[in-house]
Amino acid sequence: MKINTNEIISISAANQNFSNVVKIADKKGKAVIFRNNKPKYILLNIDESPIIEMTDDEKIDFVATRILKTHMKAFLELAK
């Protein structure tokens, strides 16, 4: 994987200012977070990333499934 130096941020800087990580990902498509001077994590902008290609419907389905899983008890209670 090629890493553009403009996409790099240290884990301590990411921890102190996560919105900066998001700005990098929005602008460059991804932000690479380094830990101990090595790439460790990637934050992807899924709207711009060719790595994850999903239609808008697939994105909605993904989020909806996670919400349903997390709050299933509440939805079952509401359905009564």
N, C-alpha and C. Protein backbone atom coordinates (compact mmCIF):
# COMPACT_ATOMS: atom_id res chain seq x y z
N MET A 1 0.85 -1.17 0.00
CA MET A 1 0.00 0.00 0.00
C MET A 1 0.89 1.24 0.00
N LYS A 2 0.62 2.14 -0.89
CA LYS A 2 1.34 3.40 -0.92
C LYS A 2 0.66 4.38 0.03
N ILE A 3 1.48 5.08 0.81
CA ILE A 3 0.96 6.05 1.77
C ILE A 3 1.48 7.43 1.41
N ASN A 4 0.57 8.33 1.18
CA ASN A 4 0.90 9.72 0.93
C ASN A 4 1.19 10.37 2.28
N THR A 5 2.28 11.11 2.38
CA THR A 5 2.64 11.73 3.66
C THR A 5 1.58 12.71 4.15
N ASN A 6 0.75 13.21 3.27
CA ASN A 6 -0.33 14.11 3.68
C ASN A 6 -1.49 13.36 4.34
N GLU A 7 -1.46 12.03 4.29
CA GLU A 7 -2.52 11.21 4.89
C GLU A 7 -2.14 10.71 6.26
N ILE A 8 -0.92 10.99 6.73
CA ILE A 8 -0.39 10.42 7.96
C ILE A 8 -0.69 11.30 9.16
N ILE A 9 -1.05 10.65 10.27
CA ILE A 9 -1.21 11.34 11.54
C ILE A 9 -0.82 10.38 12.65
N SER A 10 -0.19 10.89 13.69
CA SER A 10 0.22 10.02 14.80
C SER A 10 -0.99 9.67 15.65
N ILE A 11 -0.91 8.59 16.36
CA ILE A 11 -2.02 8.16 17.20
C ILE A 11 -2.28 9.16 18.32
N SER A 12 -1.23 9.79 18.84
CA SER A 12 -1.45 10.78 19.90
C SER A 12 -2.14 12.02 19.34
N ALA A 13 -1.77 12.46 18.14
CA ALA A 13 -2.44 13.60 17.52
C ALA A 13 -3.89 13.24 17.17
N ALA A 14 -4.11 12.01 16.73
CA ALA A 14 -5.47 11.55 16.40
C ALA A 14 -6.33 11.52 17.66
N ASN A 15 -5.73 11.10 18.76
CA ASN A 15 -6.45 11.02 20.02
C ASN A 15 -6.83 12.41 20.52
N GLN A 16 -5.96 13.37 20.35
CA GLN A 16 -6.20 14.73 20.83
C GLN A 16 -7.16 15.51 19.94
N ASN A 17 -7.18 15.19 18.64
CA ASN A 17 -8.01 15.97 17.72
C ASN A 17 -8.53 15.06 16.61
N PHE A 18 -9.53 14.24 16.94
CA PHE A 18 -10.05 13.29 15.97
C PHE A 18 -10.67 13.98 14.76
N SER A 19 -11.22 15.17 14.97
CA SER A 19 -11.81 15.88 13.83
C SER A 19 -10.77 16.17 12.76
N ASN A 20 -9.52 16.32 13.14
CA ASN A 20 -8.44 16.52 12.16
C ASN A 20 -8.24 15.25 11.33
N VAL A 21 -8.37 14.09 11.96
CA VAL A 21 -8.26 12.81 11.23
C VAL A 21 -9.38 12.72 10.21
N VAL A 22 -10.58 13.11 10.61
CA VAL A 22 -11.74 13.09 9.71
C VAL A 22 -11.53 14.05 8.53
N LYS A 23 -10.96 15.22 8.82
CA LYS A 23 -10.69 16.19 7.75
C LYS A 23 -9.70 15.62 6.73
N ILE A 24 -8.68 14.93 7.22
CA ILE A 24 -7.71 14.29 6.31
C ILE A 24 -8.41 13.25 5.45
N ALA A 25 -9.23 12.40 6.09
CA ALA A 25 -9.94 11.35 5.35
C ALA A 25 -10.91 11.95 4.34
N ASP A 26 -11.57 13.04 4.71
CA ASP A 26 -12.48 13.71 3.77
C ASP A 26 -11.73 14.27 2.57
N LYS A 27 -10.58 14.86 2.84
CA LYS A 27 -9.82 15.51 1.78
C LYS A 27 -9.05 14.52 0.91
N LYS A 28 -8.43 13.51 1.53
CA LYS A 28 -7.55 12.59 0.81
C LYS A 28 -8.18 11.21 0.54
N GLY A 29 -9.34 10.93 1.13
CA GLY A 29 -9.99 9.63 0.95
C GLY A 29 -9.67 8.66 2.06
N LYS A 30 -8.55 8.90 2.77
CA LYS A 30 -8.19 8.06 3.91
C LYS A 30 -7.20 8.81 4.78
N ALA A 31 -7.14 8.39 6.04
CA ALA A 31 -6.13 8.90 6.97
C ALA A 31 -5.43 7.68 7.55
N VAL A 32 -4.11 7.70 7.55
CA VAL A 32 -3.33 6.59 8.08
C VAL A 32 -2.80 7.01 9.45
N ILE A 33 -3.17 6.25 10.46
CA ILE A 33 -2.77 6.57 11.83
C ILE A 33 -1.58 5.70 12.19
N PHE A 34 -0.51 6.37 12.60
CA PHE A 34 0.73 5.68 12.95
C PHE A 34 0.81 5.46 14.45
N ARG A 35 1.31 4.31 14.83
CA ARG A 35 1.60 3.99 16.23
C ARG A 35 3.03 3.48 16.28
N ASN A 36 3.85 4.06 17.14
CA ASN A 36 5.26 3.71 17.25
C ASN A 36 5.98 3.82 15.90
N ASN A 37 5.66 4.90 15.18
CA ASN A 37 6.27 5.21 13.89
C ASN A 37 6.01 4.16 12.80
N LYS A 38 4.93 3.43 12.94
CA LYS A 38 4.54 2.44 11.93
C LYS A 38 3.06 2.61 11.63
N PRO A 39 2.64 2.42 10.37
CA PRO A 39 1.21 2.51 10.07
C PRO A 39 0.45 1.40 10.79
N LYS A 40 -0.60 1.78 11.51
CA LYS A 40 -1.35 0.81 12.30
C LYS A 40 -2.84 0.77 11.94
N TYR A 41 -3.43 1.93 11.67
CA TYR A 41 -4.87 2.01 11.41
C TYR A 41 -5.13 2.88 10.19
N ILE A 42 -6.26 2.64 9.53
CA ILE A 42 -6.69 3.46 8.41
C ILE A 42 -8.14 3.87 8.66
N LEU A 43 -8.41 5.16 8.54
CA LEU A 43 -9.77 5.67 8.55
C LEU A 43 -10.12 5.97 7.11
N LEU A 44 -11.13 5.28 6.58
CA LEU A 44 -11.53 5.46 5.19
C LEU A 44 -12.79 6.29 5.08
N ASN A 45 -12.82 7.14 4.08
CA ASN A 45 -14.04 7.83 3.69
C ASN A 45 -14.74 6.88 2.72
N ILE A 46 -15.77 6.19 3.18
CA ILE A 46 -16.38 5.15 2.34
C ILE A 46 -17.08 5.71 1.12
N ASP A 47 -17.39 7.00 1.14
CA ASP A 47 -17.99 7.61 -0.05
C ASP A 47 -16.97 7.79 -1.17
N GLU A 48 -15.70 7.93 -0.81
CA GLU A 48 -14.65 8.21 -1.78
C GLU A 48 -13.71 7.03 -2.04
N SER A 49 -13.71 6.05 -1.18
CA SER A 49 -12.72 4.97 -1.25
C SER A 49 -13.07 3.91 -2.29
N PRO A 50 -12.13 3.59 -3.16
CA PRO A 50 -12.38 2.48 -4.09
C PRO A 50 -12.24 1.12 -3.40
N ILE A 51 -11.68 1.11 -2.19
CA ILE A 51 -11.51 -0.14 -1.44
C ILE A 51 -12.87 -0.70 -1.06
N ILE A 52 -13.76 0.18 -0.62
CA ILE A 52 -15.11 -0.22 -0.23
C ILE A 52 -16.07 0.45 -1.19
N GLU A 53 -16.56 -0.32 -2.13
CA GLU A 53 -17.52 0.23 -3.08
C GLU A 53 -18.90 -0.29 -2.72
N MET A 54 -19.74 0.61 -2.25
CA MET A 54 -21.10 0.24 -1.90
C MET A 54 -22.05 1.27 -2.52
N THR A 55 -23.19 0.79 -2.92
CA THR A 55 -24.22 1.71 -3.38
C THR A 55 -24.82 2.40 -2.15
N ASP A 56 -25.58 3.46 -2.37
CA ASP A 56 -26.22 4.14 -1.25
C ASP A 56 -27.15 3.19 -0.50
N ASP A 57 -27.87 2.33 -1.23
CA ASP A 57 -28.76 1.36 -0.59
C ASP A 57 -27.98 0.38 0.29
N GLU A 58 -26.81 -0.06 -0.18
CA GLU A 58 -25.99 -0.97 0.61
C GLU A 58 -25.49 -0.30 1.88
N LYS A 59 -25.12 0.97 1.77
CA LYS A 59 -24.66 1.71 2.95
C LYS A 59 -25.79 1.81 3.97
N ILE A 60 -27.00 2.12 3.49
CA ILE A 60 -28.15 2.22 4.39
C ILE A 60 -28.43 0.87 5.03
N ASP A 61 -28.38 -0.20 4.26
CA ASP A 61 -28.60 -1.55 4.80
C ASP A 61 -27.57 -1.89 5.86
N PHE A 62 -26.32 -1.53 5.63
CA PHE A 62 -25.25 -1.80 6.58
C PHE A 62 -25.51 -1.11 7.91
N VAL A 63 -25.84 0.17 7.86
CA VAL A 63 -26.10 0.94 9.07
C VAL A 63 -27.37 0.45 9.76
N ALA A 64 -28.42 0.18 8.98
CA ALA A 64 -29.68 -0.28 9.56
C ALA A 64 -29.50 -1.61 10.28
N THR A 65 -28.73 -2.51 9.70
CA THR A 65 -28.48 -3.81 10.33
C THR A 65 -27.77 -3.63 11.66
N ARG A 66 -26.79 -2.74 11.70
CA ARG A 66 -26.06 -2.52 12.95
C ARG A 66 -26.98 -1.90 14.00
N ILE A 67 -27.82 -0.96 13.61
CA ILE A 67 -28.75 -0.34 14.57
C ILE A 67 -29.73 -1.37 15.09
N LEU A 68 -30.28 -2.20 14.20
CA LEU A 68 -31.21 -3.24 14.64
C LEU A 68 -30.56 -4.22 15.60
N LYS A 69 -29.33 -4.63 15.30
CA LYS A 69 -28.61 -5.55 16.17
C LYS A 69 -28.40 -4.96 17.55
N THR A 70 -28.01 -3.71 17.58
CA THR A 70 -27.70 -3.04 18.84
C THR A 70 -28.94 -2.81 19.70
N HIS A 71 -30.06 -2.50 19.07
CA HIS A 71 -31.26 -2.10 19.80
C HIS A 71 -32.43 -3.07 19.61
N MET A 72 -32.14 -4.33 19.34
CA MET A 72 -33.20 -5.29 19.04
C MET A 72 -34.22 -5.41 20.18
N LYS A 73 -33.76 -5.42 21.43
CA LYS A 73 -34.69 -5.54 22.57
C LYS A 73 -35.69 -4.39 22.58
N ALA A 74 -35.21 -3.19 22.32
CA ALA A 74 -36.11 -2.03 22.32
C ALA A 74 -37.13 -2.12 21.17
N PHE A 75 -36.68 -2.56 20.01
CA PHE A 75 -37.59 -2.70 18.87
C PHE A 75 -38.63 -3.78 19.12
N LEU A 76 -38.24 -4.88 19.75
CA LEU A 76 -39.19 -5.93 20.08
C LEU A 76 -40.22 -5.45 21.09
N GLU A 77 -39.77 -4.65 22.05
CA GLU A 77 -40.69 -4.09 23.05
C GLU A 77 -41.67 -3.13 22.39
N LEU A 78 -41.20 -2.31 21.49
CA LEU A 78 -42.07 -1.38 20.79
C LEU A 78 -43.08 -2.09 19.88
N ALA A 79 -42.72 -3.26 19.39
CA ALA A 79 -43.59 -4.00 18.48
C ALA A 79 -44.76 -4.65 19.19
N LYS A 80 -44.73 -4.72 20.51
CA LYS A 80 -45.83 -5.37 21.26
C LYS A 80 -47.10 -4.57 21.19
